[in-house]
C-alpha atoms as a PDB file:
ATOM      1  CA  MET A   1       2.188 -34.328  17.045  1.00  0.00           C
ATOM      2  CA  SER A   2       0.515 -36.655  14.518  1.00  0.00           C
ATOM      3  CA  SER A   3       0.879 -40.438  14.820  1.00  0.00           C
ATOM      4  CA  ARG A   4       2.005 -40.421  11.180  1.00  0.00           C
ATOM      5  CA  GLN A   5       4.951 -38.160  11.865  1.00  0.00           C
ATOM      6  CA  ARG A   6       8.340 -39.622  11.124  1.00  0.00           C
ATOM      7  CA  PRO A   7      11.465 -38.861  13.127  1.00  0.00           C
ATOM      8  CA  GLY A   8      13.083 -35.609  12.055  1.00  0.00           C
ATOM      9  CA  GLU A   9       9.941 -34.273  10.326  1.00  0.00           C
ATOM     10  CA  PRO A  10       8.261 -31.033  11.499  1.00  0.00           C
ATOM     11  CA  PRO A  11       4.993 -31.469  13.454  1.00  0.00           C
ATOM     12  CA  GLN A  12       1.789 -31.691  11.391  1.00  0.00           C
ATOM     13  CA  PHE A  13      -1.360 -29.830  12.376  1.00  0.00           C
ATOM     14  CA  SER A  14      -4.971 -30.764  11.845  1.00  0.00           C
ATOM     15  CA  SER A  15      -7.215 -28.910   9.411  1.00  0.00           C
ATOM     16  CA  SER A  16      -9.104 -27.281  12.292  1.00  0.00           C
ATOM     17  CA  GLN A  17      -6.009 -25.205  13.006  1.00  0.00           C
ATOM     18  CA  GLU A  18      -5.762 -23.811   9.467  1.00  0.00           C
ATOM     19  CA  THR A  19      -6.664 -20.175   8.911  1.00  0.00           C
ATOM     20  CA  SER A  20      -9.902 -19.308   7.156  1.00  0.00           C
ATOM     21  CA  THR A  21      -8.450 -16.139   5.630  1.00  0.00           C
ATOM     22  CA  PRO A  22      -8.801 -16.325   1.831  1.00  0.00           C
ATOM     23  CA  ALA A  23      -5.639 -16.404  -0.198  1.00  0.00           C
ATOM     24  CA  PRO A  24      -4.633 -13.166  -1.934  1.00  0.00           C
ATOM     25  CA  VAL A  25      -5.875 -12.790  -5.474  1.00  0.00           C
ATOM     26  CA  PRO A  26      -2.911 -13.430  -7.778  1.00  0.00           C
ATOM     27  CA  VAL A  27      -1.749 -10.577  -9.976  1.00  0.00           C
ATOM     28  CA  VAL A  28      -0.755 -11.761 -13.433  1.00  0.00           C
ATOM     29  CA  LEU A  29       2.103  -9.783 -14.949  1.00  0.00           C
ATOM     30  CA  THR A  30       2.956 -10.298 -18.598  1.00  0.00           C
ATOM     31  CA  TRP A  31       4.982  -8.357 -21.146  1.00  0.00           C
ATOM     32  CA  PRO A  32       6.403  -8.942 -24.618  1.00  0.00           C
ATOM     33  CA  ASP A  33       9.473 -11.144 -25.021  1.00  0.00           C
ATOM     34  CA  PRO A  34      12.761  -9.199 -25.206  1.00  0.00           C
ATOM     35  CA  ALA A  35      14.326  -8.644 -28.581  1.00  0.00           C
ATOM     36  CA  ALA A  36      16.781 -11.203 -29.920  1.00  0.00           C
ATOM     37  CA  PRO A  37      20.400 -10.502 -28.836  1.00  0.00           C
ATOM     38  CA  LEU A  38      21.541  -9.795 -32.406  1.00  0.00           C
ATOM     39  CA  GLY A  39      18.567  -7.620 -33.256  1.00  0.00           C
ATOM     40  CA  THR A  40      17.993  -3.961 -32.518  1.00  0.00           C
ATOM     41  CA  PRO A  41      15.445  -3.719 -29.703  1.00  0.00           C
ATOM     42  CA  PRO A  42      12.630  -1.236 -30.322  1.00  0.00           C
ATOM     43  CA  ALA A  43      12.098   1.687 -27.996  1.00  0.00           C
ATOM     44  CA  TYR A  44      10.035   0.551 -25.009  1.00  0.00           C
ATOM     45  CA  GLU A  45       7.448   3.292 -25.418  1.00  0.00           C
ATOM     46  CA  ASP A  46       7.005   2.528 -29.128  1.00  0.00           C
ATOM     47  CA  ALA A  47       6.804  -1.214 -28.563  1.00  0.00           C
ATOM     48  CA  ARG A  48       3.925  -1.058 -26.136  1.00  0.00           C
ATOM     49  CA  VAL A  49       1.670   1.544 -27.799  1.00  0.00           C
ATOM     50  CA  PRO A  50      -1.702  -0.201 -28.276  1.00  0.00           C
ATOM     51  CA  VAL A  51      -3.417  -0.048 -31.646  1.00  0.00           C
ATOM     52  CA  GLU A  52      -6.889  -0.336 -30.117  1.00  0.00           C
ATOM     53  CA  ALA A  53      -8.721   1.202 -27.181  1.00  0.00           C
ATOM     54  CA  VAL A  54      -7.645  -0.124 -23.781  1.00  0.00           C
ATOM     55  CA  THR A  55      -9.734   0.058 -20.603  1.00  0.00           C
ATOM     56  CA  TYR A  56      -7.594   0.549 -17.501  1.00  0.00           C
ATOM     57  CA  THR A  57      -8.865  -0.024 -13.965  1.00  0.00           C
ATOM     58  CA  LEU A  58      -7.949   2.333 -11.132  1.00  0.00           C
ATOM     59  CA  SER A  59      -7.563  -0.401  -8.538  1.00  0.00           C
ATOM     60  CA  PRO A  60      -7.321   0.532  -4.824  1.00  0.00           C
ATOM     61  CA  GLN A  61      -4.182  -0.827  -3.166  1.00  0.00           C
ATOM     62  CA  GLY A  62      -4.769   0.484   0.338  1.00  0.00           C
ATOM     63  CA  PHE A  63      -6.492   3.457   1.902  1.00  0.00           C
ATOM     64  CA  ASN A  64      -4.564   6.067  -0.094  1.00  0.00           C
ATOM     65  CA  THR A  65      -3.151   4.324  -3.180  1.00  0.00           C
ATOM     66  CA  LEU A  66      -4.405   3.382  -6.647  1.00  0.00           C
ATOM     67  CA  LEU A  67      -2.769   1.402  -9.424  1.00  0.00           C
ATOM     68  CA  VAL A  68      -3.723   2.025 -13.046  1.00  0.00           C
ATOM     69  CA  LEU A  69      -3.976  -1.513 -14.400  1.00  0.00           C
ATOM     70  CA  PRO A  70      -4.456  -2.701 -17.984  1.00  0.00           C
ATOM     71  CA  PRO A  71      -6.610  -5.798 -18.592  1.00  0.00           C
ATOM     72  CA  ALA A  72      -5.163  -8.983 -17.079  1.00  0.00           C
ATOM     73  CA  ASP A  73      -5.033 -10.628 -20.513  1.00  0.00           C
ATOM     74  CA  TRP A  74      -3.274  -7.684 -22.151  1.00  0.00           C
ATOM     75  CA  PRO A  75       0.162  -8.480 -23.670  1.00  0.00           C
ATOM     76  CA  ASP A  76       1.788  -6.078 -21.209  1.00  0.00           C
ATOM     77  CA  SER A  77      -0.272  -6.219 -18.001  1.00  0.00           C
ATOM     78  CA  ARG A  78       2.202  -4.430 -15.754  1.00  0.00           C
ATOM     79  CA  PRO A  79       0.739  -1.480 -13.786  1.00  0.00           C
ATOM     80  CA  ARG A  80       0.937   1.697 -15.830  1.00  0.00           C
ATOM     81  CA  TYR A  81       0.817   4.231 -12.991  1.00  0.00           C
ATOM     82  CA  HIS A  82       0.952   4.412  -9.193  1.00  0.00           C
ATOM     83  CA  ILE A  83      -1.253   7.104  -7.597  1.00  0.00           C
ATOM     84  CA  ALA A  84      -0.903   8.063  -3.925  1.00  0.00           C
ATOM     85  CA  VAL A  85      -2.633  10.706  -1.812  1.00  0.00           C
ATOM     86  CA  SER A  86      -1.040  12.228   1.285  1.00  0.00           C
ATOM     87  CA  LEU A  87      -1.648  15.120   3.644  1.00  0.00           C
ATOM     88  CA  ASN A  88       0.278  18.353   3.668  1.00  0.00           C
ATOM     89  CA  CYS A  89       1.828  18.151   7.133  1.00  0.00           C
ATOM     90  CA  MET A  90       1.743  21.937   7.521  1.00  0.00           C
ATOM     91  CA  ASN A  91      -1.905  22.071   6.458  1.00  0.00           C
ATOM     92  CA  PRO A  92      -3.769  18.768   6.988  1.00  0.00           C
ATOM     93  CA  PHE A  93      -6.821  20.185   5.183  1.00  0.00           C
ATOM     94  CA  SER A  94      -4.866  20.109   1.914  1.00  0.00           C
ATOM     95  CA  PHE A  95      -4.173  16.884   0.008  1.00  0.00           C
ATOM     96  CA  ILE A  96      -1.226  16.053  -2.258  1.00  0.00           C
ATOM     97  CA  THR A  97      -1.744  13.561  -5.092  1.00  0.00           C
ATOM     98  CA  THR A  98       1.449  12.128  -6.592  1.00  0.00           C
ATOM     99  CA  ILE A  99       1.600  10.028  -9.768  1.00  0.00           C
ATOM    100  CA  HIS A 100       4.525   7.723 -10.567  1.00  0.00           C
ATOM    101  CA  SER A 101       5.149   5.553 -13.601  1.00  0.00           C
ATOM    102  CA  GLY A 102       5.021   1.840 -12.880  1.00  0.00           C
ATOM    103  CA  ALA A 103       3.807  -0.190  -9.925  1.00  0.00           C
ATOM    104  CA  SER A 104       5.262   1.716  -6.967  1.00  0.00           C
ATOM    105  CA  ASP A 105       6.339   5.090  -5.669  1.00  0.00           C
ATOM    106  CA  SER A 106       9.921   4.235  -6.618  1.00  0.00           C
ATOM    107  CA  GLY A 107       9.148   4.820 -10.305  1.00  0.00           C
ATOM    108  CA  PRO A 108       9.730   8.137 -12.094  1.00  0.00           C
ATOM    109  CA  VAL A 109       7.452  10.963 -10.967  1.00  0.00           C
ATOM    110  CA  VAL A 110       4.958  11.898 -13.671  1.00  0.00           C
ATOM    111  CA  GLY A 111       3.193  14.724 -11.891  1.00  0.00           C
ATOM    112  CA  GLU A 112       1.685  15.994  -8.684  1.00  0.00           C
ATOM    113  CA  PHE A 113      -1.084  18.312  -7.592  1.00  0.00           C
ATOM    114  CA  GLU A 114      -2.265  19.768  -4.304  1.00  0.00           C
ATOM    115  CA  MET A 115      -5.738  21.043  -3.538  1.00  0.00           C
ATOM    116  CA  GLY A 116      -8.014  21.363  -0.540  1.00  0.00           C
ATOM    117  CA  ILE A 117      -8.982  23.964   2.044  1.00  0.00           C
ATOM    118  CA  SER A 118      -6.130  26.440   2.058  1.00  0.00           C
ATOM    119  CA  THR A 119      -5.327  30.120   1.755  1.00  0.00           C
ATOM    120  CA  ILE A 120      -2.706  29.085  -0.821  1.00  0.00           C
ATOM    121  CA  PRO A 121      -4.024  28.424  -4.363  1.00  0.00           C
ATOM    122  CA  GLY A 122      -4.049  24.836  -5.575  1.00  0.00           C
ATOM    123  CA  THR A 123      -1.026  23.849  -7.661  1.00  0.00           C
ATOM    124  CA  VAL A 124      -0.227  21.199 -10.258  1.00  0.00           C
ATOM    125  CA  CYS A 125       3.182  19.979 -11.393  1.00  0.00           C
ATOM    126  CA  LEU A 126       3.872  18.100 -14.611  1.00  0.00           C
ATOM    127  CA  GLY A 127       7.482  17.220 -15.231  1.00  0.00           C
ATOM    128  CA  ASP A 128       9.598  20.101 -13.943  1.00  0.00           C
ATOM    129  CA  CYS A 129       6.923  22.766 -14.415  1.00  0.00           C
ATOM    130  CA  GLN A 130       4.524  23.891 -11.683  1.00  0.00           C
ATOM    131  CA  ARG A 131       1.458  26.043 -12.259  1.00  0.00           C
ATOM    132  CA  GLN A 132      -1.627  27.114 -10.356  1.00  0.00           C
ATOM    133  CA  ILE A 133      -4.585  24.853 -11.091  1.00  0.00           C
ATOM    134  CA  LYS A 134      -6.830  27.783 -11.954  1.00  0.00           C
ATOM    135  CA  ASP A 135      -4.394  28.803 -14.713  1.00  0.00           C
ATOM    136  CA  VAL A 136      -4.310  25.412 -16.481  1.00  0.00           C
ATOM    137  CA  LEU A 137      -7.795  24.009 -15.856  1.00  0.00           C
ATOM    138  CA  ARG A 138     -10.687  26.265 -16.771  1.00  0.00           C
ATOM    139  CA  MET A 139     -14.404  25.703 -17.027  1.00  0.00           C
ATOM    140  CA  GLN A 140     -15.971  26.463 -20.408  1.00  0.00           C
ATOM    141  CA  GLY A 141     -19.666  25.992 -19.916  1.00  0.00           C
ATOM    142  CA  HIS A 142     -21.085  23.449 -17.512  1.00  0.00           C
ATOM    143  CA  PRO A 143     -19.845  20.859 -17.133  1.00  0.00           C
ATOM    144  CA  ARG A 144     -16.906  21.240 -19.509  1.00  0.00           C
ATOM    145  CA  TRP A 145     -13.277  21.744 -18.518  1.00  0.00           C
ATOM    146  CA  VAL A 146     -10.312  22.655 -20.713  1.00  0.00           C
ATOM    147  CA  TRP A 147      -6.810  21.551 -19.716  1.00  0.00           C
ATOM    148  CA  HIS A 148      -4.008  23.648 -21.218  1.00  0.00           C
ATOM    149  CA  PHE A 149      -0.738  22.930 -19.453  1.00  0.00           C
ATOM    150  CA  GLY A 150       2.093  24.395 -21.495  1.00  0.00           C
ATOM    151  CA  ASP A 151       2.265  26.116 -24.869  1.00  0.00           C
ATOM    152  CA  ASP A 152       1.895  23.008 -27.031  1.00  0.00           C
ATOM    153  CA  THR A 153      -1.738  23.287 -28.140  1.00  0.00           C
ATOM    154  CA  THR A 154      -1.696  19.738 -29.539  1.00  0.00           C
ATOM    155  CA  ARG A 155      -1.607  18.499 -25.933  1.00  0.00           C
ATOM    156  CA  HIS A 156      -4.509  20.601 -24.698  1.00  0.00           C
ATOM    157  CA  LEU A 157      -7.576  18.591 -23.691  1.00  0.00           C
ATOM    158  CA  ARG A 158     -11.297  19.101 -23.190  1.00  0.00           C
ATOM    159  CA  TRP A 159     -13.301  17.062 -20.681  1.00  0.00           C
ATOM    160  CA  GLU A 160     -17.091  16.925 -20.995  1.00  0.00           C
ATOM    161  CA  LEU A 161     -19.493  15.456 -18.446  1.00  0.00           C
ATOM    162  CA  ASN A 162     -22.725  14.545 -20.196  1.00  0.00           C
ATOM    163  CA  ASN A 163     -24.497  13.371 -17.039  1.00  0.00           C
ATOM    164  CA  PHE A 164     -23.359  14.663 -13.665  1.00  0.00           C
ATOM    165  CA  ARG A 165     -24.901  11.764 -11.752  1.00  0.00           C
ATOM    166  CA  THR A 166     -23.264   8.954 -13.740  1.00  0.00           C
ATOM    167  CA  GLY A 167     -19.723  10.297 -13.464  1.00  0.00           C
ATOM    168  CA  VAL A 168     -18.803   9.547 -17.088  1.00  0.00           C
ATOM    169  CA  TRP A 169     -16.318  12.014 -18.590  1.00  0.00           C
ATOM    170  CA  ASN A 170     -15.433  12.102 -22.297  1.00  0.00           C
ATOM    171  CA  CYS A 171     -12.093  13.555 -23.380  1.00  0.00           C
ATOM    172  CA  PHE A 172     -11.364  15.280 -26.695  1.00  0.00           C
ATOM    173  CA  LEU A 173      -8.529  17.337 -28.083  1.00  0.00           C
ATOM    174  CA  ALA A 174      -9.173  20.966 -27.226  1.00  0.00           C
ATOM    175  CA  SER A 175      -8.377  21.826 -30.846  1.00  0.00           C
ATOM    176  CA  ASP A 176     -11.594  20.026 -31.859  1.00  0.00           C
ATOM    177  CA  ARG A 177     -14.051  22.888 -31.726  1.00  0.00           C
ATOM    178  CA  HIS A 178     -17.184  22.483 -29.641  1.00  0.00           C
ATOM    179  CA  PRO A 179     -19.756  21.733 -30.741  1.00  0.00           C
ATOM    180  CA  ALA A 180     -18.408  19.586 -33.557  1.00  0.00           C
ATOM    181  CA  PRO A 181     -20.360  17.149 -35.738  1.00  0.00           C
ATOM    182  CA  THR A 182     -18.076  14.210 -34.916  1.00  0.00           C
ATOM    183  CA  PRO A 183     -15.450  15.167 -32.310  1.00  0.00           C
ATOM    184  CA  LEU A 184     -12.686  12.605 -31.947  1.00  0.00           C
ATOM    185  CA  LYS A 185     -12.824  10.991 -28.509  1.00  0.00           C
ATOM    186  CA  ILE A 186      -9.396  10.112 -27.121  1.00  0.00           C
ATOM    187  CA  ALA A 187     -10.397   8.888 -23.639  1.00  0.00           C
ATOM    188  CA  GLN A 188     -13.358   8.148 -21.399  1.00  0.00           C
ATOM    189  CA  PHE A 189     -13.392   8.065 -17.603  1.00  0.00           C
ATOM    190  CA  LYS A 190     -16.094   6.416 -15.508  1.00  0.00           C
ATOM    191  CA  GLY A 191     -16.003   7.460 -11.879  1.00  0.00           C
ATOM    192  CA  ALA A 192     -18.332   6.953  -8.952  1.00  0.00           C
ATOM    193  CA  PRO A 193     -22.080   7.397  -9.588  1.00  0.00           C
ATOM    194  CA  TYR A 194     -23.653  10.323  -7.793  1.00  0.00           C
ATOM    195  CA  THR A 195     -26.783   8.477  -6.627  1.00  0.00           C
ATOM    196  CA  GLY A 196     -25.387   7.061  -3.399  1.00  0.00           C
ATOM    197  CA  THR A 197     -27.540   3.953  -3.914  1.00  0.00           C
ATOM    198  CA  GLU A 198     -25.108   1.970  -6.057  1.00  0.00           C
ATOM    199  CA  ARG A 199     -22.115   0.135  -4.688  1.00  0.00           C
ATOM    200  CA  THR A 200     -18.995   1.960  -5.774  1.00  0.00           C
ATOM    201  CA  GLN A 201     -16.946   0.048  -8.329  1.00  0.00           C
ATOM    202  CA  PRO A 202     -13.327   0.845  -9.193  1.00  0.00           C
ATOM    203  CA  ALA A 203     -13.067   3.746 -11.604  1.00  0.00           C
ATOM    204  CA  THR A 204     -12.066   2.946 -15.173  1.00  0.00           C
ATOM    205  CA  LEU A 205     -10.198   4.942 -17.794  1.00  0.00           C
ATOM    206  CA  ARG A 206     -10.565   3.938 -21.434  1.00  0.00           C
ATOM    207  CA  VAL A 207      -7.788   5.343 -23.611  1.00  0.00           C
ATOM    208  CA  TYR A 208      -8.026   5.277 -27.402  1.00  0.00           C
ATOM    209  CA  PRO A 209      -4.922   4.898 -29.613  1.00  0.00           C
ATOM    210  CA  LEU A 210      -4.649   8.638 -30.262  1.00  0.00           C
ATOM    211  CA  GLY A 211      -4.739   9.287 -26.523  1.00  0.00           C
ATOM    212  CA  GLN A 212      -1.866   6.969 -25.603  1.00  0.00           C
ATOM    213  CA  ALA A 213       0.748   9.640 -26.370  1.00  0.00           C
ATOM    214  CA  LEU A 214      -1.151  11.996 -24.037  1.00  0.00           C
ATOM    215  CA  PHE A 215      -1.673   9.489 -21.224  1.00  0.00           C
ATOM    216  CA  ASP A 216       0.161  11.573 -18.588  1.00  0.00           C
ATOM    217  CA  GLU A 217      -1.945  14.658 -19.287  1.00  0.00           C
ATOM    218  CA  ILE A 218      -5.142  12.620 -19.578  1.00  0.00           C
ATOM    219  CA  LEU A 219      -4.626  10.969 -16.199  1.00  0.00           C
ATOM    220  CA  ILE A 220      -3.617  13.998 -14.167  1.00  0.00           C
ATOM    221  CA  SER A 221      -6.309  16.218 -15.701  1.00  0.00           C
ATOM    222  CA  VAL A 222      -9.133  13.715 -15.153  1.00  0.00           C
ATOM    223  CA  LEU A 223      -8.091  13.238 -11.528  1.00  0.00           C
ATOM    224  CA  LEU A 224      -8.466  16.994 -11.135  1.00  0.00           C
ATOM    225  CA  VAL A 225     -11.855  17.313 -12.845  1.00  0.00           C
ATOM    226  CA  GLU A 226     -13.237  14.303 -10.965  1.00  0.00           C
ATOM    227  CA  ARG A 227     -12.035  15.776  -7.668  1.00  0.00           C
ATOM    228  CA  LYS A 228     -13.806  19.002  -8.561  1.00  0.00           C
ATOM    229  CA  ARG A 229     -16.991  17.102  -9.410  1.00  0.00           C
ATOM    230  CA  LEU A 230     -17.075  15.362  -6.042  1.00  0.00           C
ATOM    231  CA  GLN A 231     -15.892  18.123  -3.720  1.00  0.00           C
ATOM    232  CA  PRO A 232     -18.531  20.288  -1.991  1.00  0.00           C
ATOM    233  CA  PRO A 233     -18.728  24.022  -2.647  1.00  0.00           C
ATOM    234  CA  PRO A 234     -17.098  26.338  -0.080  1.00  0.00           C
ATOM    235  CA  PRO A 235     -19.337  27.617   2.735  1.00  0.00           C
ATOM    236  CA  GLU A 236     -20.897  31.004   2.069  1.00  0.00           C
ATOM    237  CA  GLY A 237     -18.964  32.727   4.818  1.00  0.00           C
ATOM    238  CA  LEU A 238     -15.613  31.489   3.531  1.00  0.00           C
ATOM    239  CA  LYS A 239     -15.848  32.314  -0.164  1.00  0.00           C
ATOM    240  CA  GLY A 240     -12.959  34.457  -1.307  1.00  0.00           C
ATOM    241  CA  TRP A 241     -10.848  33.521   1.691  1.00  0.00           C
ATOM    242  CA  TRP A 242     -10.186  29.792   1.486  1.00  0.00           C
ATOM    243  CA  SER A 243      -9.016  28.158  -1.701  1.00  0.00           C
ATOM    244  CA  TRP A 244     -10.975  25.047  -2.696  1.00  0.00           C
ATOM    245  CA  SER A 245      -9.234  24.642  -6.049  1.00  0.00           C
END
């Protein structure tokens, strides 16, 4: 006990006993002020739609979780999505990726997909609809993927990978014919470089104003195409038997 301690005070410890573990990095959460009580509050989705491109960071929050974070100085810096990967207990070679709105797995489910080494085809769920991955994500040339989940063609997307090694995907509306003189980019994803010599940085997803209304489809489809870019091809002796999609 320190000589400076007064009666009734808790014991004081010297600085040599303090932990050297760095303090956690603070997470700054900001959002617009609520509407005045007498006013009519705008719809939440309408109020937060950005009018300029926003670069989101896919920040690891553990060994199997990512948060999709807007810039720290953005007016609404709350996490946009929570992404978690788990094993299929009946087939631990197959992985389930679940996306929730907000900062945790207690938010509304946006979508889910399962793919890996399995005799069962890979599946993807968006809302209440589930489809096989091969039926909604198709390669059109290399490396170009078209995402067409549902009958609404205005929500169909095209992902193009200009350089396989850099891991930069550009997203366009599938209705913009390819090749087009000036296709309208609605998102860009930068994943891990393929060189193996650069330290891996958190992936980023830049969403342009036109892409904000398609954010759910953009996120789940780019997670699929990036997984396909990084996964190895099936062994020769197992082609046609195991599903790697």
